[in-house]
PDB file of N, CA and C in Angstrom:
ATOM      1  N   MET A   1      -3.587  32.852 -24.269  1.00  0.00           N
ATOM      2  CA  MET A   1      -4.238  33.298 -23.269  1.00  0.00           C
ATOM      3  C   MET A   1      -5.028  32.013 -22.541  1.00  0.00           C
ATOM      4  N   SER A   2      -5.266  32.630 -21.322  1.00  0.00           N
ATOM      5  CA  SER A   2      -5.147  31.001 -20.420  1.00  0.00           C
ATOM      6  C   SER A   2      -6.654  30.785 -20.217  1.00  0.00           C
ATOM      7  N   THR A   3      -6.950  29.669 -20.262  1.00  0.00           N
ATOM      8  CA  THR A   3      -8.308  29.566 -19.561  1.00  0.00           C
ATOM      9  C   THR A   3      -8.940  29.249 -18.303  1.00  0.00           C
ATOM     10  N   GLY A   4      -7.519  29.300 -17.246  1.00  0.00           N
ATOM     11  CA  GLY A   4      -8.162  28.680 -16.077  1.00  0.00           C
ATOM     12  C   GLY A   4      -8.882  27.184 -15.913  1.00  0.00           C
ATOM     13  N   LEU A   5      -8.660  26.610 -16.549  1.00  0.00           N
ATOM     14  CA  LEU A   5      -9.061  25.577 -16.674  1.00  0.00           C
ATOM     15  C   LEU A   5      -7.899  24.344 -16.400  1.00  0.00           C
ATOM     16  N   PRO A   6      -8.416  23.673 -15.309  1.00  0.00           N
ATOM     17  CA  PRO A   6      -6.925  22.711 -14.440  1.00  0.00           C
ATOM     18  C   PRO A   6      -6.669  21.336 -15.305  1.00  0.00           C
ATOM     19  N   GLY A   7      -5.840  21.132 -15.344  1.00  0.00           N
ATOM     20  CA  GLY A   7      -5.709  20.045 -16.334  1.00  0.00           C
ATOM     21  C   GLY A   7      -5.991  18.801 -15.652  1.00  0.00           C
ATOM     22  N   VAL A   8      -5.925  17.763 -16.344  1.00  0.00           N
ATOM     23  CA  VAL A   8      -5.408  16.153 -15.464  1.00  0.00           C
ATOM     24  C   VAL A   8      -4.965  15.189 -16.095  1.00  0.00           C
ATOM     25  N   THR A   9      -3.967  14.696 -14.843  1.00  0.00           N
ATOM     26  CA  THR A   9      -3.536  13.894 -14.574  1.00  0.00           C
ATOM     27  C   THR A   9      -3.963  12.112 -14.644  1.00  0.00           C
ATOM     28  N   THR A  10      -3.441  11.702 -15.638  1.00  0.00           N
ATOM     29  CA  THR A  10      -4.051  10.320 -15.521  1.00  0.00           C
ATOM     30  C   THR A  10      -2.644   9.538 -15.346  1.00  0.00           C
ATOM     31  N   VAL A  11      -3.233   8.088 -14.089  1.00  0.00           N
ATOM     32  CA  VAL A  11      -2.094   7.536 -13.915  1.00  0.00           C
ATOM     33  C   VAL A  11      -1.800   6.341 -14.597  1.00  0.00           C
ATOM     34  N   SER A  12      -1.229   5.704 -15.164  1.00  0.00           N
ATOM     35  CA  SER A  12      -1.406   4.083 -15.677  1.00  0.00           C
ATOM     36  C   SER A  12      -1.718   3.227 -14.766  1.00  0.00           C
ATOM     37  N   GLY A  13      -2.148   1.887 -15.272  1.00  0.00           N
ATOM     38  CA  GLY A  13      -2.166   0.753 -14.738  1.00  0.00           C
ATOM     39  C   GLY A  13      -1.014   0.318 -13.841  1.00  0.00           C
ATOM     40  N   ARG A  14      -0.167   0.505 -14.986  1.00  0.00           N
ATOM     41  CA  ARG A  14       1.207   0.182 -14.638  1.00  0.00           C
ATOM     42  C   ARG A  14       2.166   0.944 -13.799  1.00  0.00           C
ATOM     43  N   ALA A  15       1.974   1.860 -13.575  1.00  0.00           N
ATOM     44  CA  ALA A  15       2.207   2.937 -12.635  1.00  0.00           C
ATOM     45  C   ALA A  15       1.920   2.332 -11.301  1.00  0.00           C
ATOM     46  N   VAL A  16       0.462   2.196 -11.453  1.00  0.00           N
ATOM     47  CA  VAL A  16      -0.252   1.546 -10.201  1.00  0.00           C
ATOM     48  C   VAL A  16       0.895  -0.076  -9.639  1.00  0.00           C
ATOM     49  N   ARG A  17       0.541  -0.548 -10.647  1.00  0.00           N
ATOM     50  CA  ARG A  17       0.773  -1.932 -10.182  1.00  0.00           C
ATOM     51  C   ARG A  17       2.821  -1.957  -9.724  1.00  0.00           C
ATOM     52  N   ARG A  18       3.437  -1.088 -10.042  1.00  0.00           N
ATOM     53  CA  ARG A  18       4.769  -0.948  -9.864  1.00  0.00           C
ATOM     54  C   ARG A  18       4.643   0.019  -8.584  1.00  0.00           C
ATOM     55  N   ILE A  19       4.000   0.587  -7.975  1.00  0.00           N
ATOM     56  CA  ILE A  19       4.151   1.449  -7.242  1.00  0.00           C
ATOM     57  C   ILE A  19       3.603   0.581  -5.545  1.00  0.00           C
ATOM     58  N   ALA A  20       1.890  -0.242  -6.155  1.00  0.00           N
ATOM     59  CA  ALA A  20       1.839  -0.990  -4.784  1.00  0.00           C
ATOM     60  C   ALA A  20       2.432  -2.146  -4.637  1.00  0.00           C
ATOM     61  N   ALA A  21       3.191  -2.775  -5.812  1.00  0.00           N
ATOM     62  CA  ALA A  21       4.011  -4.418  -5.179  1.00  0.00           C
ATOM     63  C   ALA A  21       5.363  -3.795  -4.698  1.00  0.00           C
ATOM     64  N   ARG A  22       5.353  -2.157  -4.976  1.00  0.00           N
ATOM     65  CA  ARG A  22       7.399  -2.120  -3.579  1.00  0.00           C
ATOM     66  C   ARG A  22       6.597  -1.367  -2.706  1.00  0.00           C
ATOM     67  N   ALA A  23       5.291  -1.076  -2.148  1.00  0.00           N
ATOM     68  CA  ALA A  23       4.790  -1.249  -0.907  1.00  0.00           C
ATOM     69  C   ALA A  23       4.358  -2.225  -0.515  1.00  0.00           C
ATOM     70  N   ALA A  24       4.066  -2.828  -0.834  1.00  0.00           N
ATOM     71  CA  ALA A  24       3.715  -4.497  -0.274  1.00  0.00           C
ATOM     72  C   ALA A  24       4.950  -4.767   0.205  1.00  0.00           C
ATOM     73  N   ARG A  25       5.751  -4.731  -0.448  1.00  0.00           N
ATOM     74  CA  ARG A  25       7.532  -5.165   0.170  1.00  0.00           C
ATOM     75  C   ARG A  25       7.611  -4.476   1.268  1.00  0.00           C
ATOM     76  N   GLU A  26       7.427  -3.381   1.692  1.00  0.00           N
ATOM     77  CA  GLU A  26       7.435  -2.370   2.919  1.00  0.00           C
ATOM     78  C   GLU A  26       7.147  -2.904   3.936  1.00  0.00           C
ATOM     79  N   VAL A  27       6.146  -3.926   3.514  1.00  0.00           N
ATOM     80  CA  VAL A  27       5.200  -4.469   5.091  1.00  0.00           C
ATOM     81  C   VAL A  27       6.634  -5.485   5.864  1.00  0.00           C
ATOM     82  N   ALA A  28       6.280  -5.281   6.803  1.00  0.00           N
ATOM     83  CA  ALA A  28       6.930  -6.686   7.483  1.00  0.00           C
ATOM     84  C   ALA A  28       6.854  -7.919   8.113  1.00  0.00           C
ATOM     85  N   GLY A  29       6.959  -9.044   7.327  1.00  0.00           N
ATOM     86  CA  GLY A  29       6.917 -10.727   7.172  1.00  0.00           C
ATOM     87  C   GLY A  29       6.148 -10.588   5.757  1.00  0.00           C
ATOM     88  N   VAL A  30       6.723  -9.694   4.761  1.00  0.00           N
ATOM     89  CA  VAL A  30       6.261  -9.761   3.326  1.00  0.00           C
ATOM     90  C   VAL A  30       7.941 -10.496   2.752  1.00  0.00           C
ATOM     91  N   ALA A  31       7.524 -11.699   2.243  1.00  0.00           N
ATOM     92  CA  ALA A  31       9.089 -12.176   1.626  1.00  0.00           C
ATOM     93  C   ALA A  31       8.766 -12.119   0.083  1.00  0.00           C
ATOM     94  N   GLY A  32      10.246 -11.846  -0.231  1.00  0.00           N
ATOM     95  CA  GLY A  32      10.347 -11.859  -2.090  1.00  0.00           C
ATOM     96  C   GLY A  32       9.395 -11.143  -2.530  1.00  0.00           C
ATOM     97  N   PRO A  33       9.837 -11.806  -4.140  1.00  0.00           N
ATOM     98  CA  PRO A  33       8.943 -10.893  -5.549  1.00  0.00           C
ATOM     99  C   PRO A  33       7.223 -11.162  -4.998  1.00  0.00           C
ATOM    100  N   VAL A  34       6.659  -9.594  -5.301  1.00  0.00           N
ATOM    101  CA  VAL A  34       5.070  -9.662  -5.044  1.00  0.00           C
ATOM    102  C   VAL A  34       4.366  -9.557  -6.224  1.00  0.00           C
ATOM    103  N   SER A  35       3.417  -9.826  -6.971  1.00  0.00           N
ATOM    104  CA  SER A  35       2.751  -9.614  -7.822  1.00  0.00           C
ATOM    105  C   SER A  35       1.473  -9.037  -7.729  1.00  0.00           C
ATOM    106  N   VAL A  36       1.308  -7.734  -8.786  1.00  0.00           N
ATOM    107  CA  VAL A  36       0.144  -7.341  -8.413  1.00  0.00           C
ATOM    108  C   VAL A  36      -0.337  -6.750  -9.698  1.00  0.00           C
ATOM    109  N   ASP A  37      -1.990  -6.831  -9.736  1.00  0.00           N
ATOM    110  CA  ASP A  37      -3.020  -6.368 -11.145  1.00  0.00           C
ATOM    111  C   ASP A  37      -3.600  -5.319 -10.372  1.00  0.00           C
ATOM    112  N   ALA A  38      -3.570  -4.298 -11.195  1.00  0.00           N
ATOM    113  CA  ALA A  38      -4.546  -3.213 -11.240  1.00  0.00           C
ATOM    114  C   ALA A  38      -5.221  -2.602 -11.957  1.00  0.00           C
ATOM    115  N   ALA A  39      -6.772  -2.455 -11.917  1.00  0.00           N
ATOM    116  CA  ALA A  39      -7.642  -1.938 -12.424  1.00  0.00           C
ATOM    117  C   ALA A  39      -7.916  -0.505 -12.201  1.00  0.00           C
ATOM    118  N   VAL A  40      -7.511   0.121 -13.025  1.00  0.00           N
ATOM    119  CA  VAL A  40      -7.546   2.268 -13.024  1.00  0.00           C
ATOM    120  C   VAL A  40      -9.005   2.608 -13.870  1.00  0.00           C
ATOM    121  N   SER A  41     -10.111   2.660 -13.211  1.00  0.00           N
ATOM    122  CA  SER A  41     -11.296   3.748 -13.216  1.00  0.00           C
ATOM    123  C   SER A  41     -11.341   4.938 -13.225  1.00  0.00           C
ATOM    124  N   GLY A  42     -10.888   5.611 -14.233  1.00  0.00           N
ATOM    125  CA  GLY A  42     -11.416   7.150 -13.859  1.00  0.00           C
ATOM    126  C   GLY A  42     -10.548   7.834 -12.354  1.00  0.00           C
ATOM    127  N   ASP A  43     -10.925   7.908 -10.856  1.00  0.00           N
ATOM    128  CA  ASP A  43      -9.924   8.326  -9.783  1.00  0.00           C
ATOM    129  C   ASP A  43      -9.890   7.170  -8.927  1.00  0.00           C
ATOM    130  N   ARG A  44     -10.394   6.250  -9.528  1.00  0.00           N
ATOM    131  CA  ARG A  44     -10.910   4.541  -8.619  1.00  0.00           C
ATOM    132  C   ARG A  44      -9.482   3.427  -8.652  1.00  0.00           C
ATOM    133  N   THR A  45      -8.749   2.931  -7.774  1.00  0.00           N
ATOM    134  CA  THR A  45      -8.206   1.659  -8.586  1.00  0.00           C
ATOM    135  C   THR A  45      -8.941   0.221  -7.710  1.00  0.00           C
ATOM    136  N   ALA A  46      -8.172  -0.901  -8.321  1.00  0.00           N
ATOM    137  CA  ALA A  46      -8.678  -2.123  -7.370  1.00  0.00           C
ATOM    138  C   ALA A  46      -7.273  -2.572  -7.949  1.00  0.00           C
ATOM    139  N   LEU A  47      -7.028  -3.322  -6.694  1.00  0.00           N
ATOM    140  CA  LEU A  47      -5.750  -4.478  -6.563  1.00  0.00           C
ATOM    141  C   LEU A  47      -6.205  -5.584  -6.485  1.00  0.00           C
ATOM    142  N   ASP A  48      -5.070  -6.686  -7.290  1.00  0.00           N
ATOM    143  CA  ASP A  48      -5.104  -7.809  -6.656  1.00  0.00           C
ATOM    144  C   ASP A  48      -3.711  -8.235  -6.508  1.00  0.00           C
ATOM    145  N   ILE A  49      -3.299  -8.506  -5.505  1.00  0.00           N
ATOM    146  CA  ILE A  49      -2.193  -8.509  -4.978  1.00  0.00           C
ATOM    147  C   ILE A  49      -2.112 -10.162  -4.702  1.00  0.00           C
ATOM    148  N   ARG A  50      -0.712 -10.691  -5.463  1.00  0.00           N
ATOM    149  CA  ARG A  50      -0.444 -12.312  -5.161  1.00  0.00           C
ATOM    150  C   ARG A  50       1.235 -11.975  -3.841  1.00  0.00           C
ATOM    151  N   LEU A  51       1.093 -12.672  -3.129  1.00  0.00           N
ATOM    152  CA  LEU A  51       2.445 -12.160  -2.094  1.00  0.00           C
ATOM    153  C   LEU A  51       2.827 -13.800  -1.110  1.00  0.00           C
ATOM    154  N   PRO A  52       4.030 -13.706  -1.104  1.00  0.00           N
ATOM    155  CA  PRO A  52       4.755 -14.985   0.199  1.00  0.00           C
ATOM    156  C   PRO A  52       5.115 -14.107   1.303  1.00  0.00           C
ATOM    157  N   ILE A  53       4.690 -15.042   2.441  1.00  0.00           N
ATOM    158  CA  ILE A  53       4.534 -13.927   3.867  1.00  0.00           C
ATOM    159  C   ILE A  53       5.824 -15.110   4.381  1.00  0.00           C
ATOM    160  N   LEU A  54       6.479 -14.718   4.661  1.00  0.00           N
ATOM    161  CA  LEU A  54       7.420 -15.483   6.106  1.00  0.00           C
ATOM    162  C   LEU A  54       6.729 -16.222   7.001  1.00  0.00           C
ATOM    163  N   TYR A  55       7.468 -17.352   6.698  1.00  0.00           N
ATOM    164  CA  TYR A  55       7.555 -18.116   8.212  1.00  0.00           C
ATOM    165  C   TYR A  55       7.854 -17.976   9.318  1.00  0.00           C
ATOM    166  N   PRO A  56       7.497 -18.129  10.521  1.00  0.00           N
ATOM    167  CA  PRO A  56       6.422 -18.235  10.941  1.00  0.00           C
ATOM    168  C   PRO A  56       5.124 -17.218  10.913  1.00  0.00           C
ATOM    169  N   GLU A  57       5.300 -16.196  10.457  1.00  0.00           N
ATOM    170  CA  GLU A  57       4.790 -14.654  10.740  1.00  0.00           C
ATOM    171  C   GLU A  57       3.291 -14.937  10.511  1.00  0.00           C
ATOM    172  N   PRO A  58       2.297 -14.596  11.373  1.00  0.00           N
ATOM    173  CA  PRO A  58       1.178 -14.704  11.210  1.00  0.00           C
ATOM    174  C   PRO A  58       0.491 -14.124  10.110  1.00  0.00           C
ATOM    175  N   VAL A  59      -0.351 -14.892   9.121  1.00  0.00           N
ATOM    176  CA  VAL A  59      -0.481 -14.674   7.889  1.00  0.00           C
ATOM    177  C   VAL A  59      -1.593 -13.381   7.969  1.00  0.00           C
ATOM    178  N   GLY A  60      -2.651 -13.656   8.905  1.00  0.00           N
ATOM    179  CA  GLY A  60      -3.973 -12.835   9.080  1.00  0.00           C
ATOM    180  C   GLY A  60      -3.413 -10.931   9.688  1.00  0.00           C
ATOM    181  N   ARG A  61      -2.379 -11.456  10.457  1.00  0.00           N
ATOM    182  CA  ARG A  61      -1.718 -10.266  10.865  1.00  0.00           C
ATOM    183  C   ARG A  61      -0.578  -9.575   9.248  1.00  0.00           C
ATOM    184  N   VAL A  62      -0.339 -10.106   8.605  1.00  0.00           N
ATOM    185  CA  VAL A  62       0.708  -9.630   7.544  1.00  0.00           C
ATOM    186  C   VAL A  62      -0.144  -8.764   6.580  1.00  0.00           C
ATOM    187  N   THR A  63      -1.206  -9.771   6.111  1.00  0.00           N
ATOM    188  CA  THR A  63      -2.084  -9.372   4.817  1.00  0.00           C
ATOM    189  C   THR A  63      -3.052  -7.907   5.805  1.00  0.00           C
ATOM    190  N   ASP A  64      -3.359  -8.163   6.763  1.00  0.00           N
ATOM    191  CA  ASP A  64      -4.223  -6.867   7.170  1.00  0.00           C
ATOM    192  C   ASP A  64      -3.477  -5.736   7.150  1.00  0.00           C
ATOM    193  N   ALA A  65      -1.647  -5.777   7.402  1.00  0.00           N
ATOM    194  CA  ALA A  65      -1.041  -4.998   7.814  1.00  0.00           C
ATOM    195  C   ALA A  65      -1.032  -4.378   6.398  1.00  0.00           C
ATOM    196  N   CYS A  66      -0.286  -5.312   5.303  1.00  0.00           N
ATOM    197  CA  CYS A  66      -0.325  -5.184   4.100  1.00  0.00           C
ATOM    198  C   CYS A  66      -1.390  -4.217   3.444  1.00  0.00           C
ATOM    199  N   ARG A  67      -3.035  -4.497   3.690  1.00  0.00           N
ATOM    200  CA  ARG A  67      -4.009  -4.084   3.234  1.00  0.00           C
ATOM    201  C   ARG A  67      -4.092  -2.958   3.160  1.00  0.00           C
ATOM    202  N   ALA A  68      -3.297  -2.300   4.853  1.00  0.00           N
ATOM    203  CA  ALA A  68      -3.651  -0.761   5.580  1.00  0.00           C
ATOM    204  C   ALA A  68      -2.763  -0.202   4.823  1.00  0.00           C
ATOM    205  N   HIS A  69      -1.596  -0.855   4.329  1.00  0.00           N
ATOM    206  CA  HIS A  69       0.199  -0.112   4.089  1.00  0.00           C
ATOM    207  C   HIS A  69      -0.334   0.186   2.702  1.00  0.00           C
ATOM    208  N   LEU A  70      -0.952  -0.738   2.058  1.00  0.00           N
ATOM    209  CA  LEU A  70      -1.231  -0.325   0.068  1.00  0.00           C
ATOM    210  C   LEU A  70      -2.337   0.733   0.255  1.00  0.00           C
ATOM    211  N   GLN A  71      -3.503   0.415   0.829  1.00  0.00           N
ATOM    212  CA  GLN A  71      -4.788   1.570   0.831  1.00  0.00           C
ATOM    213  C   GLN A  71      -3.958   3.099   0.977  1.00  0.00           C
ATOM    214  N   ARG A  72      -3.461   2.833   2.011  1.00  0.00           N
ATOM    215  CA  ARG A  72      -2.366   4.392   2.585  1.00  0.00           C
ATOM    216  C   ARG A  72      -1.126   4.642   1.096  1.00  0.00           C
ATOM    217  N   ARG A  73      -0.360   3.979   1.456  1.00  0.00           N
ATOM    218  CA  ARG A  73       0.661   4.261   0.087  1.00  0.00           C
ATOM    219  C   ARG A  73       0.222   4.583  -1.470  1.00  0.00           C
ATOM    220  N   THR A  74      -0.644   3.688  -1.804  1.00  0.00           N
ATOM    221  CA  THR A  74      -0.823   3.686  -3.252  1.00  0.00           C
ATOM    222  C   THR A  74      -1.801   5.138  -3.259  1.00  0.00           C
ATOM    223  N   ALA A  75      -2.792   5.511  -2.050  1.00  0.00           N
ATOM    224  CA  ALA A  75      -3.353   6.545  -2.574  1.00  0.00           C
ATOM    225  C   ALA A  75      -2.797   7.583  -2.050  1.00  0.00           C
ATOM    226  N   GLU A  76      -1.744   7.991  -1.086  1.00  0.00           N
ATOM    227  CA  GLU A  76      -0.716   8.692  -1.250  1.00  0.00           C
ATOM    228  C   GLU A  76      -0.202   9.289  -2.225  1.00  0.00           C
ATOM    229  N   LEU A  77       0.452   8.004  -3.276  1.00  0.00           N
ATOM    230  CA  LEU A  77       1.404   8.134  -4.171  1.00  0.00           C
ATOM    231  C   LEU A  77       1.274   8.511  -5.816  1.00  0.00           C
ATOM    232  N   THR A  78      -0.208   8.104  -5.949  1.00  0.00           N
ATOM    233  CA  THR A  78      -1.341   8.162  -7.121  1.00  0.00           C
ATOM    234  C   THR A  78      -2.007   8.762  -7.311  1.00  0.00           C
ATOM    235  N   GLY A  79      -3.153   9.271  -5.955  1.00  0.00           N
ATOM    236  CA  GLY A  79      -3.778   9.804  -5.921  1.00  0.00           C
ATOM    237  C   GLY A  79      -5.397   9.407  -6.290  1.00  0.00           C
ATOM    238  N   LEU A  80      -5.354   8.416  -6.536  1.00  0.00           N
ATOM    239  CA  LEU A  80      -6.321   7.100  -6.699  1.00  0.00           C
ATOM    240  C   LEU A  80      -6.925   6.727  -5.570  1.00  0.00           C
ATOM    241  N   ALA A  81      -8.372   6.626  -5.275  1.00  0.00           N
ATOM    242  CA  ALA A  81      -8.581   6.141  -4.050  1.00  0.00           C
ATOM    243  C   ALA A  81      -8.660   4.518  -4.194  1.00  0.00           C
ATOM    244  N   VAL A  82      -8.395   3.781  -3.268  1.00  0.00           N
ATOM    245  CA  VAL A  82      -8.534   2.145  -3.480  1.00  0.00           C
ATOM    246  C   VAL A  82      -9.588   1.648  -3.079  1.00  0.00           C
ATOM    247  N   SER A  83     -10.543   1.278  -4.116  1.00  0.00           N
ATOM    248  CA  SER A  83     -11.746   0.618  -3.725  1.00  0.00           C
ATOM    249  C   SER A  83     -12.014  -0.605  -3.603  1.00  0.00           C
ATOM    250  N   ARG A  84     -10.791  -1.806  -3.755  1.00  0.00           N
ATOM    251  CA  ARG A  84     -10.729  -3.139  -3.204  1.00  0.00           C
ATOM    252  C   ARG A  84      -9.366  -3.475  -3.392  1.00  0.00           C
ATOM    253  N   ILE A  85      -8.884  -4.423  -2.288  1.00  0.00           N
ATOM    254  CA  ILE A  85      -7.856  -4.974  -1.975  1.00  0.00           C
ATOM    255  C   ILE A  85      -7.604  -6.511  -2.089  1.00  0.00           C
ATOM    256  N   ASP A  86      -7.401  -7.287  -2.647  1.00  0.00           N
ATOM    257  CA  ASP A  86      -7.478  -9.137  -2.804  1.00  0.00           C
ATOM    258  C   ASP A  86      -6.571  -9.291  -2.899  1.00  0.00           C
ATOM    259  N   ILE A  87      -6.085  -9.957  -1.532  1.00  0.00           N
ATOM    260  CA  ILE A  87      -4.708 -10.072  -1.515  1.00  0.00           C
ATOM    261  C   ILE A  87      -4.951 -11.937  -1.247  1.00  0.00           C
ATOM    262  N   VAL A  88      -3.991 -12.490  -2.305  1.00  0.00           N
ATOM    263  CA  VAL A  88      -3.773 -14.447  -2.170  1.00  0.00           C
ATOM    264  C   VAL A  88      -2.433 -14.570  -1.667  1.00  0.00           C
ATOM    265  N   VAL A  89      -2.269 -15.289  -0.813  1.00  0.00           N
ATOM    266  CA  VAL A  89      -0.884 -15.696  -0.443  1.00  0.00           C
ATOM    267  C   VAL A  89      -0.253 -17.193  -0.873  1.00  0.00           C
ATOM    268  N   THR A  90       1.243 -16.827  -1.375  1.00  0.00           N
ATOM    269  CA  THR A  90       1.130 -17.314  -2.493  1.00  0.00           C
ATOM    270  C   THR A  90       2.539 -19.040  -1.924  1.00  0.00           C
ATOM    271  N   GLU A  91       2.611 -18.351  -1.224  1.00  0.00           N
ATOM    272  CA  GLU A  91       3.818 -19.467  -0.250  1.00  0.00           C
ATOM    273  C   GLU A  91       4.298 -18.794   0.739  1.00  0.00           C
ATOM    274  N   LEU A  92       4.019 -19.915   2.170  1.00  0.00           N
ATOM    275  CA  LEU A  92       5.329 -19.579   3.462  1.00  0.00           C
ATOM    276  C   LEU A  92       6.200 -19.228   2.956  1.00  0.00           C
ATOM    277  N   ALA A  93       6.752 -18.809   3.002  1.00  0.00           N
ATOM    278  CA  ALA A  93       8.803 -18.662   2.766  1.00  0.00           C
ATOM    279  C   ALA A  93       9.596 -18.813   4.017  1.00  0.00           C
ATOM    280  N   ALA A  94      10.637 -19.831   4.113  1.00  0.00           N
ATOM    281  CA  ALA A  94      11.151 -20.097   5.065  1.00  0.00           C
ATOM    282  C   ALA A  94      12.650 -18.735   5.338  1.00  0.00           C
ATOM    283  N   ALA A  95      12.561 -18.237   6.722  1.00  0.00           N
ATOM    284  CA  ALA A  95      13.812 -17.179   7.111  1.00  0.00           C
ATOM    285  C   ALA A  95      15.153 -17.802   6.285  1.00  0.00           C
ATOM    286  N   ALA A  96      15.665 -17.250   5.922  1.00  0.00           N
ATOM    287  CA  ALA A  96      17.106 -17.364   5.538  1.00  0.00           C
ATOM    288  C   ALA A  96      17.789 -17.912   6.789  1.00  0.00           C
ATOM    289  N   ALA A  97      18.568 -19.591   6.389  1.00  0.00           N
ATOM    290  CA  ALA A  97      18.953 -19.735   7.499  1.00  0.00           C
ATOM    291  C   ALA A  97      20.414 -18.842   7.599  1.00  0.00           C
ATOM    292  N   ARG A  98      20.961 -18.556   9.179  1.00  0.00           N
ATOM    293  CA  ARG A  98      21.489 -17.393   9.267  1.00  0.00           C
ATOM    294  C   ARG A  98      23.370 -18.619   9.184  1.00  0.00           C
ATOM    295  N   ALA A  99      23.965 -17.907   8.033  1.00  0.00           N
ATOM    296  CA  ALA A  99      25.152 -18.577   7.941  1.00  0.00           C
ATOM    297  C   ALA A  99      26.030 -18.582   9.671  1.00  0.00           C
ATOM    298  N   GLY A 100      26.859 -19.860  10.285  1.00  0.00           N
ATOM    299  CA  GLY A 100      27.594 -19.556  11.327  1.00  0.00           C
ATOM    300  C   GLY A 100      28.543 -20.283  10.898  1.00  0.00           C
ATOM    301  N   ARG A 101      30.122 -20.133  11.850  1.00  0.00           N
ATOM    302  CA  ARG A 101      30.682 -21.289  11.715  1.00  0.00           C
ATOM    303  C   ARG A 101      30.113 -22.417  12.583  1.00  0.00           C
ATOM    304  N   VAL A 102      30.662 -23.661  11.721  1.00  0.00           N
ATOM    305  CA  VAL A 102      30.874 -24.994  12.153  1.00  0.00           C
ATOM    306  C   VAL A 102      31.698 -25.501  12.574  1.00  0.00           C
ATOM    307  N   ARG A 103      31.527 -25.965  13.643  1.00  0.00           N
ATOM    308  CA  ARG A 103      32.919 -26.604  14.756  1.00  0.00           C
ATOM    309  C   ARG A 103      33.003 -28.171  14.664  1.00  0.00           C
TER     310      ARG A 103
END
């Protein structure tokens, strides 16, 4: 006998952290490993992001793009509303030097 009531889907903080870290690495100008802390409360999540940015990319542009992308992708993939995204830039990483022939 079916009661017709919908079930509940719960997304763990660990899953949100992994999704957000992957989404942050999709943004142009983000370099290397990204660290994420996520607090999930009901149907909302708050993110604390630590990321390196490629030098000489504009820090404000990269963090704004990252924040917008994280909000969209995290909500899309988890179904959770993102209530807050705090970003700390951990370093300005130099782009890898091109390997070329030395004459």
